[in-house]
N, C-alpha and C. Protein backbone atom coordinates (compact mmCIF):
# COMPACT_ATOMS: atom_id res chain seq x y z
N UNK A 1 -3.77 2.34 -3.55
CA UNK A 1 -3.40 3.38 -4.47
C UNK A 1 -4.49 4.22 -5.11
N UNK A 2 -5.65 3.58 -5.03
CA UNK A 2 -6.92 4.22 -5.34
C UNK A 2 -7.08 5.38 -4.43
N UNK A 3 -7.13 5.07 -3.20
CA UNK A 3 -7.44 6.25 -2.23
C UNK A 3 -6.41 7.44 -2.43
N UNK A 4 -5.10 7.26 -2.55
CA UNK A 4 -4.21 8.32 -2.47
C UNK A 4 -4.63 8.90 -3.84
N UNK A 5 -4.71 8.30 -5.16
CA UNK A 5 -5.06 9.07 -6.42
C UNK A 5 -6.38 9.73 -6.29
N UNK A 6 -7.24 9.24 -5.59
CA UNK A 6 -8.60 10.06 -5.22
C UNK A 6 -8.27 11.30 -4.53
N UNK A 7 -7.63 11.24 -3.45
CA UNK A 7 -7.30 12.34 -2.71
C UNK A 7 -6.49 13.42 -3.41
N UNK A 8 -5.59 12.97 -4.04
CA UNK A 8 -4.84 13.98 -4.86
C UNK A 8 -5.71 14.76 -6.00
N UNK A 9 -6.79 14.04 -6.61
CA UNK A 9 -7.86 14.63 -7.24
C UNK A 9 -8.64 15.64 -6.67
N UNK A 10 -8.81 15.44 -5.32
CA UNK A 10 -9.67 16.24 -4.39
C UNK A 10 -9.29 17.92 -4.50
N UNK A 11 -7.69 17.80 -4.37
CA UNK A 11 -7.01 19.02 -4.43
C UNK A 11 -7.40 19.68 -5.87
N UNK A 12 -6.98 19.09 -6.93
CA UNK A 12 -7.30 19.63 -8.30
C UNK A 12 -7.58 18.42 -9.28
N UNK A 13 -8.50 18.77 -10.14
CA UNK A 13 -8.65 17.85 -11.12
C UNK A 13 -7.18 17.51 -12.07
N UNK A 14 -6.74 16.24 -12.32
CA UNK A 14 -5.66 16.05 -12.99
C UNK A 14 -5.65 15.13 -14.24
N UNK A 15 -4.71 15.13 -15.14
CA UNK A 15 -4.62 13.94 -15.86
C UNK A 15 -3.38 12.88 -15.44
N UNK A 16 -3.47 11.76 -15.97
CA UNK A 16 -2.53 10.66 -15.31
C UNK A 16 -1.05 10.97 -15.27
N UNK A 17 -0.41 11.69 -16.21
CA UNK A 17 0.97 12.03 -16.04
C UNK A 17 1.14 13.18 -14.98
N UNK A 18 0.20 14.05 -14.71
CA UNK A 18 0.41 14.83 -13.70
C UNK A 18 0.20 14.23 -12.30
N UNK A 19 -0.68 13.16 -12.19
CA UNK A 19 -0.77 12.50 -10.89
C UNK A 19 0.49 11.62 -10.73
N UNK A 20 1.20 10.92 -11.71
CA UNK A 20 2.25 10.22 -11.63
C UNK A 20 3.58 11.08 -11.01
N UNK A 21 3.56 12.26 -11.72
CA UNK A 21 4.57 13.34 -11.34
C UNK A 21 4.30 13.54 -9.66
N UNK A 22 3.19 13.89 -9.44
CA UNK A 22 2.93 14.01 -8.05
C UNK A 22 3.14 13.20 -6.89
N UNK A 23 2.84 11.89 -7.46
CA UNK A 23 3.07 10.70 -6.49
C UNK A 23 4.61 10.54 -6.42
N UNK A 24 5.32 10.59 -7.45
CA UNK A 24 6.76 10.27 -7.65
C UNK A 24 7.59 11.24 -6.78
N UNK A 25 7.07 12.36 -6.99
CA UNK A 25 7.59 13.65 -6.13
C UNK A 25 7.40 13.36 -4.53
N UNK A 26 6.14 13.02 -4.12
CA UNK A 26 5.93 12.48 -2.85
C UNK A 26 6.73 11.36 -2.49
N UNK A 27 7.14 10.32 -3.12
CA UNK A 27 7.84 9.23 -2.71
C UNK A 27 9.34 9.25 -2.99
N UNK A 28 9.70 10.17 -3.56
CA UNK A 28 11.09 10.49 -3.64
C UNK A 28 11.71 9.15 -4.64
N UNK A 29 12.77 8.71 -4.17
CA UNK A 29 13.31 7.61 -5.01
C UNK A 29 12.45 6.44 -4.97
N UNK A 30 11.64 6.23 -4.08
CA UNK A 30 10.72 4.94 -4.14
C UNK A 30 9.70 5.24 -5.27
N UNK A 31 9.40 6.41 -5.76
CA UNK A 31 8.44 6.56 -6.73
C UNK A 31 8.99 6.37 -8.28
N UNK A 32 10.26 6.03 -8.48
CA UNK A 32 10.88 6.10 -9.69
C UNK A 32 10.38 4.76 -10.57
N UNK A 33 9.71 3.95 -9.80
CA UNK A 33 9.23 2.64 -10.40
C UNK A 33 7.80 2.97 -10.85
N UNK A 34 7.26 3.91 -10.37
CA UNK A 34 5.71 4.24 -10.73
C UNK A 34 5.75 4.51 -12.30
N UNK A 35 4.76 3.89 -12.84
CA UNK A 35 4.57 4.39 -14.29
C UNK A 35 3.14 4.95 -14.44
N UNK A 36 3.08 5.67 -15.54
CA UNK A 36 1.72 6.31 -15.90
C UNK A 36 0.60 5.25 -16.11
N UNK A 37 1.00 3.96 -16.75
CA UNK A 37 0.24 2.99 -16.90
C UNK A 37 -0.66 2.74 -15.66
N UNK A 38 0.11 2.33 -14.45
CA UNK A 38 -0.32 2.10 -13.35
C UNK A 38 -1.55 3.04 -12.80
N UNK A 39 -1.31 4.33 -13.07
CA UNK A 39 -2.00 5.61 -12.79
C UNK A 39 -3.60 5.58 -13.63
N UNK A 40 -3.04 5.21 -14.86
CA UNK A 40 -4.40 4.92 -15.76
C UNK A 40 -5.19 3.79 -15.49
N UNK A 41 -4.78 2.73 -15.12
CA UNK A 41 -5.57 1.68 -14.64
C UNK A 41 -6.39 1.86 -13.36
N UNK A 42 -5.81 2.75 -12.43
CA UNK A 42 -6.30 3.11 -11.35
C UNK A 42 -7.40 3.97 -11.58
N UNK A 43 -7.30 5.09 -12.43
CA UNK A 43 -8.21 6.04 -12.90
C UNK A 43 -9.56 5.44 -13.45
N UNK A 44 -9.21 4.35 -14.35
CA UNK A 44 -10.15 3.72 -15.07
C UNK A 44 -11.15 2.90 -14.06
N UNK A 45 -10.40 2.23 -13.01
CA UNK A 45 -11.18 1.42 -12.08
C UNK A 45 -12.05 2.39 -11.24
N UNK A 46 -11.51 3.64 -10.78
CA UNK A 46 -12.05 4.64 -10.05
C UNK A 46 -13.31 5.14 -10.78
N UNK A 47 -13.14 5.42 -12.17
CA UNK A 47 -14.09 5.77 -13.01
C UNK A 47 -15.34 4.72 -13.08
N UNK A 48 -15.07 3.49 -13.14
CA UNK A 48 -16.07 2.50 -13.21
C UNK A 48 -16.89 2.38 -11.83
N UNK A 49 -16.20 2.58 -10.97
CA UNK A 49 -16.73 2.69 -9.62
C UNK A 49 -17.63 3.89 -9.21
N UNK A 50 -17.61 4.74 -10.29
CA UNK A 50 -18.34 6.12 -9.91
C UNK A 50 -17.71 7.18 -9.09
N UNK A 51 -16.68 6.91 -8.93
CA UNK A 51 -15.66 7.76 -7.82
C UNK A 51 -15.07 9.00 -8.51
N UNK A 52 -14.95 8.89 -9.96
CA UNK A 52 -14.22 10.05 -10.72
C UNK A 52 -15.00 10.01 -12.00
N UNK A 53 -14.75 11.26 -12.64
CA UNK A 53 -15.43 11.56 -13.86
C UNK A 53 -14.26 12.14 -14.72
N UNK A 54 -14.52 11.92 -16.04
CA UNK A 54 -13.21 12.59 -16.84
C UNK A 54 -13.94 13.51 -17.90
N UNK A 55 -12.90 14.34 -18.25
CA UNK A 55 -13.21 15.52 -19.19
C UNK A 55 -12.10 15.59 -19.88
N UNK A 56 -11.97 16.61 -21.03
CA UNK A 56 -10.80 17.04 -21.66
C UNK A 56 -10.46 18.25 -21.23
N UNK A 57 -8.94 18.45 -21.30
CA UNK A 57 -8.49 19.76 -21.05
C UNK A 57 -9.11 20.84 -21.98
N UNK A 58 -9.56 21.90 -21.32
CA UNK A 58 -9.92 22.94 -22.39
C UNK A 58 -8.80 23.54 -23.16
N UNK A 59 -7.74 23.89 -22.54
CA UNK A 59 -6.75 24.54 -23.51
C UNK A 59 -5.60 23.77 -23.10
N UNK A 60 -4.82 22.86 -23.75
CA UNK A 60 -3.62 21.97 -23.39
C UNK A 60 -2.57 22.91 -23.26
N UNK A 61 -1.61 22.64 -22.48
CA UNK A 61 -0.39 23.44 -22.40
C UNK A 61 0.51 23.03 -23.69
N UNK A 62 0.49 21.76 -23.93
CA UNK A 62 1.31 21.51 -25.23
C UNK A 62 0.61 20.05 -25.73
N UNK A 63 0.79 19.81 -26.85
CA UNK A 63 0.35 18.48 -27.49
C UNK A 63 -1.35 18.40 -27.33
N UNK A 64 -1.87 17.31 -27.71
CA UNK A 64 -3.11 17.02 -27.87
C UNK A 64 -3.97 17.33 -26.21
N UNK A 65 -5.23 17.53 -26.46
CA UNK A 65 -6.03 17.66 -25.12
C UNK A 65 -5.99 16.29 -24.57
N UNK A 66 -5.77 16.34 -23.13
CA UNK A 66 -5.74 15.25 -22.51
C UNK A 66 -7.03 14.95 -21.57
N UNK A 67 -7.18 13.58 -21.15
CA UNK A 67 -8.42 13.36 -20.26
C UNK A 67 -8.00 13.94 -18.83
N UNK A 68 -8.79 14.78 -18.33
CA UNK A 68 -8.58 15.17 -16.99
C UNK A 68 -9.72 14.51 -16.00
N UNK A 69 -9.20 14.13 -14.84
CA UNK A 69 -10.22 13.41 -13.94
C UNK A 69 -10.40 14.19 -12.87
N UNK A 70 -11.64 14.07 -12.31
CA UNK A 70 -12.22 14.85 -11.16
C UNK A 70 -13.03 14.04 -10.19
N UNK A 71 -12.87 14.04 -8.99
CA UNK A 71 -13.69 13.23 -8.13
C UNK A 71 -15.17 13.53 -8.08
N UNK A 72 -16.11 12.59 -8.03
CA UNK A 72 -17.54 12.72 -7.81
C UNK A 72 -17.93 13.08 -6.34
N UNK A 73 -19.06 13.30 -6.08
CA UNK A 73 -19.35 13.60 -4.45
C UNK A 73 -19.19 12.16 -3.91
N UNK A 74 -19.37 10.81 -4.60
CA UNK A 74 -19.02 9.61 -3.74
C UNK A 74 -17.49 9.63 -3.59
N UNK A 75 -16.72 10.19 -4.65
CA UNK A 75 -15.27 10.09 -4.35
C UNK A 75 -14.88 10.90 -3.27
N UNK A 76 -15.30 12.14 -3.06
CA UNK A 76 -15.12 12.88 -2.01
C UNK A 76 -15.43 12.10 -0.71
N UNK A 77 -16.51 11.54 -0.86
CA UNK A 77 -16.87 10.72 0.53
C UNK A 77 -15.89 9.71 0.88
N UNK A 78 -15.47 9.11 -0.41
CA UNK A 78 -14.47 7.77 -0.02
C UNK A 78 -13.20 8.55 0.61
N UNK A 79 -12.77 9.63 -0.01
CA UNK A 79 -11.46 10.11 0.61
C UNK A 79 -11.69 10.39 1.98
N UNK A 80 -12.57 11.09 2.48
CA UNK A 80 -13.00 11.56 3.80
C UNK A 80 -13.01 10.31 4.75
N UNK A 81 -13.60 9.25 4.33
CA UNK A 81 -13.58 7.97 5.00
C UNK A 81 -12.32 7.28 5.20
N UNK A 82 -11.67 7.36 4.13
CA UNK A 82 -10.31 6.73 4.13
C UNK A 82 -9.32 7.52 5.11
N UNK A 83 -9.26 8.82 4.92
CA UNK A 83 -8.63 9.53 5.87
C UNK A 83 -8.81 9.40 7.40
N UNK A 84 -10.17 9.27 7.50
CA UNK A 84 -10.62 9.15 9.07
C UNK A 84 -10.39 7.65 9.46
N UNK A 85 -10.18 6.65 8.66
CA UNK A 85 -9.95 5.29 9.10
C UNK A 85 -8.48 5.22 9.80
N UNK A 86 -8.25 4.29 10.73
CA UNK A 86 -6.84 4.18 11.02
C UNK A 86 -6.03 3.41 10.07
N UNK A 87 -4.82 3.44 10.47
CA UNK A 87 -3.82 2.71 9.59
C UNK A 87 -3.74 1.21 9.55
N UNK A 88 -4.12 0.76 10.82
CA UNK A 88 -4.09 -0.71 10.95
C UNK A 88 -2.68 -1.19 11.39
N UNK A 89 -2.54 -2.41 11.90
CA UNK A 89 -1.40 -2.87 12.69
C UNK A 89 -0.22 -2.99 11.73
N UNK A 90 -0.54 -3.48 10.38
CA UNK A 90 0.45 -3.62 9.49
C UNK A 90 0.52 -2.79 8.36
N UNK A 91 0.48 -1.42 8.85
CA UNK A 91 0.52 -0.23 7.79
C UNK A 91 1.98 -0.06 7.32
N UNK A 92 2.07 0.07 6.13
CA UNK A 92 3.64 0.26 5.56
C UNK A 92 3.76 1.61 5.64
N UNK A 93 5.09 2.07 5.87
CA UNK A 93 5.51 3.23 6.00
C UNK A 93 5.32 4.15 4.92
N UNK A 94 5.45 3.66 3.58
CA UNK A 94 5.32 4.30 2.37
C UNK A 94 3.73 4.78 2.22
N UNK A 95 3.00 3.55 2.54
CA UNK A 95 1.50 3.89 2.49
C UNK A 95 0.99 5.04 3.36
N UNK A 96 1.57 4.88 4.56
CA UNK A 96 1.15 5.98 5.67
C UNK A 96 1.49 7.17 5.18
N UNK A 97 2.60 7.30 4.64
CA UNK A 97 3.33 8.69 4.28
C UNK A 97 2.46 9.19 3.18
N UNK A 98 1.96 8.41 2.19
CA UNK A 98 1.24 9.02 1.12
C UNK A 98 -0.06 9.34 1.65
N UNK A 99 -0.55 8.77 2.82
CA UNK A 99 -1.85 9.18 3.42
C UNK A 99 -1.64 10.62 3.95
N UNK A 100 -0.48 10.66 4.46
CA UNK A 100 -0.34 12.15 5.05
C UNK A 100 -0.17 13.22 3.93
N UNK A 101 0.60 12.83 2.89
CA UNK A 101 0.69 13.72 1.56
C UNK A 101 -0.75 14.02 1.15
N UNK A 102 -1.51 12.97 1.02
CA UNK A 102 -2.97 13.13 0.55
C UNK A 102 -3.81 14.01 1.48
N UNK A 103 -3.68 13.71 2.77
CA UNK A 103 -4.40 14.52 3.59
C UNK A 103 -4.07 16.08 3.46
N UNK A 104 -2.84 16.29 3.45
CA UNK A 104 -2.50 17.84 3.23
C UNK A 104 -2.71 18.19 1.97
N UNK A 105 -2.57 17.56 0.79
CA UNK A 105 -3.01 18.07 -0.27
C UNK A 105 -4.45 18.30 -0.58
N UNK A 106 -5.44 17.28 -0.20
CA UNK A 106 -6.78 17.24 -0.26
C UNK A 106 -7.39 18.35 0.70
N UNK A 107 -6.70 18.55 1.76
CA UNK A 107 -7.39 19.63 2.65
C UNK A 107 -8.33 19.06 3.75
N UNK A 108 -8.80 17.59 3.54
CA UNK A 108 -9.69 17.07 4.25
C UNK A 108 -9.26 16.47 5.54
N UNK A 109 -8.20 16.60 5.88
CA UNK A 109 -7.53 16.11 7.14
C UNK A 109 -6.18 16.66 7.54
N UNK A 110 -5.84 16.66 8.77
CA UNK A 110 -4.75 17.53 9.30
C UNK A 110 -3.74 16.11 9.44
N UNK A 111 -2.63 16.47 8.60
CA UNK A 111 -1.60 15.32 8.74
C UNK A 111 -1.00 15.19 10.29
N UNK A 112 -0.91 16.14 10.97
CA UNK A 112 -0.61 16.16 12.49
C UNK A 112 -1.56 15.20 13.30
N UNK A 113 -2.74 15.37 12.93
CA UNK A 113 -3.89 14.61 13.57
C UNK A 113 -3.66 13.16 13.25
N UNK A 114 -3.33 12.73 11.78
CA UNK A 114 -3.18 11.47 11.51
C UNK A 114 -2.07 10.99 12.36
N UNK A 115 -0.95 11.62 12.23
CA UNK A 115 0.24 11.31 12.88
C UNK A 115 0.17 10.82 14.36
N UNK A 116 -0.72 11.73 15.05
CA UNK A 116 -1.15 11.60 16.70
C UNK A 116 -2.07 10.30 16.65
N UNK A 117 -2.94 10.03 15.74
CA UNK A 117 -3.84 8.76 15.81
C UNK A 117 -2.88 7.68 15.67
N UNK A 118 -2.21 7.66 14.65
CA UNK A 118 -1.26 6.56 14.38
C UNK A 118 -0.38 6.11 15.59
N UNK A 119 0.18 7.26 16.30
CA UNK A 119 1.05 7.04 17.43
C UNK A 119 0.23 6.47 18.48
N UNK A 120 -0.90 6.76 18.72
CA UNK A 120 -1.90 5.97 19.79
C UNK A 120 -2.00 4.47 19.34
N UNK A 121 -2.22 4.31 18.11
CA UNK A 121 -2.36 2.78 17.72
C UNK A 121 -1.12 1.98 17.97
N UNK A 122 -0.04 2.42 17.59
CA UNK A 122 1.39 1.85 18.05
C UNK A 122 1.61 1.85 19.34
N UNK A 123 1.26 2.87 20.23
CA UNK A 123 1.59 2.76 21.74
C UNK A 123 0.70 1.63 22.19
N UNK A 124 -0.64 1.52 21.87
CA UNK A 124 -1.33 0.35 22.31
C UNK A 124 -0.83 -0.89 21.95
N UNK A 125 -0.37 -1.02 20.61
CA UNK A 125 0.38 -2.28 20.11
C UNK A 125 1.61 -2.77 21.04
N UNK A 126 2.20 -1.64 21.25
CA UNK A 126 3.53 -1.87 21.93
C UNK A 126 3.31 -2.25 23.43
N UNK A 127 2.31 -1.69 24.12
CA UNK A 127 1.76 -2.09 25.50
C UNK A 127 1.48 -3.46 25.33
N UNK A 128 0.69 -3.83 24.33
CA UNK A 128 0.17 -5.30 24.23
C UNK A 128 1.38 -6.31 24.04
N UNK A 129 2.17 -5.96 23.32
CA UNK A 129 3.44 -6.56 22.85
C UNK A 129 4.37 -6.75 24.07
N UNK A 130 4.44 -5.72 24.89
CA UNK A 130 5.38 -5.77 26.08
C UNK A 130 4.69 -6.69 27.06
N UNK A 131 3.44 -6.66 27.36
CA UNK A 131 2.73 -7.51 28.13
C UNK A 131 2.99 -9.16 27.81
N UNK A 132 2.82 -9.17 26.45
CA UNK A 132 3.06 -10.62 26.01
C UNK A 132 4.60 -11.13 26.23
N UNK A 133 5.37 -10.28 26.01
CA UNK A 133 6.84 -10.44 26.22
C UNK A 133 7.21 -10.84 27.84
N UNK A 134 6.40 -10.18 28.63
CA UNK A 134 6.69 -10.52 30.13
C UNK A 134 6.21 -11.88 30.30
N UNK A 135 5.16 -12.36 29.41
CA UNK A 135 4.40 -13.69 29.75
C UNK A 135 5.36 -14.95 29.21
N UNK A 136 6.39 -14.48 28.50
CA UNK A 136 7.02 -15.50 27.69
C UNK A 136 8.42 -15.92 28.22
N UNK A 137 8.98 -16.97 27.88
CA UNK A 137 10.31 -17.14 28.27
C UNK A 137 11.25 -16.39 27.26
N UNK A 138 12.23 -15.64 27.75
CA UNK A 138 12.91 -14.60 26.87
C UNK A 138 13.74 -15.36 25.86
N UNK A 139 14.16 -16.61 26.15
CA UNK A 139 14.94 -17.52 25.26
C UNK A 139 14.10 -18.41 24.32
N UNK A 140 12.81 -18.41 24.52
CA UNK A 140 11.82 -19.10 23.49
C UNK A 140 11.80 -18.43 22.03
N UNK A 141 11.36 -19.06 21.19
CA UNK A 141 10.91 -18.77 19.81
C UNK A 141 9.94 -17.63 19.81
N UNK A 142 9.00 -17.68 20.52
CA UNK A 142 7.87 -16.91 20.65
C UNK A 142 8.54 -15.43 21.32
N UNK A 143 9.48 -15.66 22.28
CA UNK A 143 9.88 -14.48 22.89
C UNK A 143 10.74 -13.53 21.89
N UNK A 144 11.43 -14.24 21.02
CA UNK A 144 12.33 -13.73 19.90
C UNK A 144 11.47 -12.89 19.04
N UNK A 145 10.41 -13.65 18.77
CA UNK A 145 9.47 -12.81 17.68
C UNK A 145 8.76 -11.68 18.39
N UNK A 146 8.43 -11.76 19.54
CA UNK A 146 7.85 -10.78 20.28
C UNK A 146 8.70 -9.48 20.41
N UNK A 147 10.29 -9.91 20.63
CA UNK A 147 11.03 -8.82 20.75
C UNK A 147 11.15 -8.04 19.49
N UNK A 148 11.12 -8.90 18.26
CA UNK A 148 11.18 -8.23 16.90
C UNK A 148 9.96 -7.15 16.68
N UNK A 149 8.86 -7.81 17.14
CA UNK A 149 7.68 -6.87 17.00
C UNK A 149 7.65 -5.58 17.72
N UNK A 150 8.19 -5.66 19.05
CA UNK A 150 8.33 -4.43 19.86
C UNK A 150 9.37 -3.84 19.24
N UNK A 151 10.58 -4.04 18.86
CA UNK A 151 11.46 -3.38 18.11
C UNK A 151 10.85 -2.52 16.89
N UNK A 152 10.05 -3.22 16.21
CA UNK A 152 9.67 -2.58 15.02
C UNK A 152 8.74 -1.53 15.28
N UNK A 153 7.74 -1.69 16.25
CA UNK A 153 6.88 -0.59 16.80
C UNK A 153 7.60 0.45 17.44
N UNK A 154 8.70 0.22 18.03
CA UNK A 154 9.53 1.52 18.52
C UNK A 154 10.14 2.31 17.49
N UNK A 155 10.51 1.50 16.42
CA UNK A 155 11.15 2.20 15.22
C UNK A 155 10.10 2.95 14.58
N UNK A 156 8.85 2.50 14.46
CA UNK A 156 7.78 3.12 13.81
C UNK A 156 7.37 4.49 14.52
N UNK A 157 7.55 4.20 15.91
CA UNK A 157 7.13 5.36 16.77
C UNK A 157 8.37 6.58 16.53
N UNK A 158 9.49 6.21 16.53
CA UNK A 158 10.47 7.34 16.21
C UNK A 158 10.29 7.86 14.78
N UNK A 159 9.87 6.98 13.93
CA UNK A 159 9.64 7.79 12.36
C UNK A 159 8.47 8.69 12.65
N UNK A 160 7.48 8.43 13.30
CA UNK A 160 6.39 9.28 13.73
C UNK A 160 6.86 10.36 14.30
N UNK A 161 7.74 10.49 15.19
CA UNK A 161 8.32 11.96 15.84
C UNK A 161 8.66 12.63 14.66
N UNK A 162 9.51 11.94 13.61
CA UNK A 162 9.97 12.78 12.49
C UNK A 162 9.00 13.23 11.78
N UNK A 163 7.99 12.47 11.64
CA UNK A 163 6.74 12.95 10.67
C UNK A 163 6.17 14.36 11.28
N UNK A 164 5.98 14.00 12.76
CA UNK A 164 5.35 15.24 13.48
C UNK A 164 6.28 16.39 13.41
N UNK A 165 7.55 16.33 13.49
CA UNK A 165 8.42 17.60 13.34
C UNK A 165 8.30 18.26 11.90
N UNK A 166 8.44 17.28 10.82
CA UNK A 166 8.12 17.82 9.52
C UNK A 166 6.85 18.45 9.12
N UNK A 167 5.84 17.85 9.66
CA UNK A 167 4.48 18.44 9.28
C UNK A 167 4.03 19.77 10.13
N UNK A 168 4.73 19.56 11.45
CA UNK A 168 4.68 20.94 12.12
C UNK A 168 5.15 22.09 11.60
N UNK A 169 6.38 21.70 11.07
CA UNK A 169 7.22 23.03 10.47
C UNK A 169 6.51 23.41 9.27
N UNK A 170 5.64 22.53 8.39
CA UNK A 170 4.92 22.97 7.31
C UNK A 170 3.56 23.68 7.81
N UNK A 171 3.00 23.57 8.77
CA UNK A 171 1.67 24.10 9.25
C UNK A 171 1.45 25.38 9.17
N UNK A 172 2.52 26.33 9.49
CA UNK A 172 2.31 27.78 9.43
C UNK A 172 1.97 28.29 8.06
N UNK A 173 2.52 27.51 7.05
CA UNK A 173 2.11 27.93 5.46
C UNK A 173 0.77 27.93 5.19
N UNK A 174 0.03 27.28 6.13
CA UNK A 174 -1.48 27.21 5.65
C UNK A 174 -2.15 25.95 5.61
N UNK A 175 -3.36 25.74 5.22
CA UNK A 175 -3.93 24.47 4.98
C UNK A 175 -3.45 23.93 3.58
N UNK A 176 -3.10 22.69 3.63
CA UNK A 176 -2.75 21.98 2.51
C UNK A 176 -1.34 22.32 2.23
N UNK A 177 -0.39 22.94 2.90
CA UNK A 177 0.82 23.46 2.66
C UNK A 177 1.93 22.36 2.62
N UNK A 178 1.40 21.36 2.36
CA UNK A 178 2.34 20.01 2.37
C UNK A 178 3.26 19.76 1.03
N UNK A 179 3.66 18.58 1.12
CA UNK A 179 4.45 18.32 -0.36
C UNK A 179 3.47 17.93 -1.28
N UNK A 180 3.99 18.18 -2.61
CA UNK A 180 3.25 17.76 -3.69
C UNK A 180 3.36 18.50 -5.05
């Protein structure tokens, strides 16, 4: 969550409620359980780590002046490093989706390049799994597990195809033209 919040701040300094709204919008129904308290705890941790600084709104839209958070140079570096690293073999779909949104919002990475890198990771994993399946008795417990892993990887690859279509359609609108 810290990296996603930090990446959203790269686009524009924000307060917690705005960050919560942007995350909930990106997650759709999955974001309904996200509360502002979680966001402020994350912001406090980022501030203690020296990755964000806070200020007050100059002119509040309504109500009292709110704390607005912005990334430090170290925060920018962390976001760039996070966007450059692979998703890993156990990446959660929602987590990777947020990485794509964060990449588009921050302008620090191309969502399509992230999708392609993830596709290559999954293809390697699928090839390794298929080799292992060939070495197993198909009726064995291990063979059944490997079949499940292969099916999951294939499903993730199909989802990435949908991601590529969606982000390709958004690309002509310009840099950072994604959701959010």
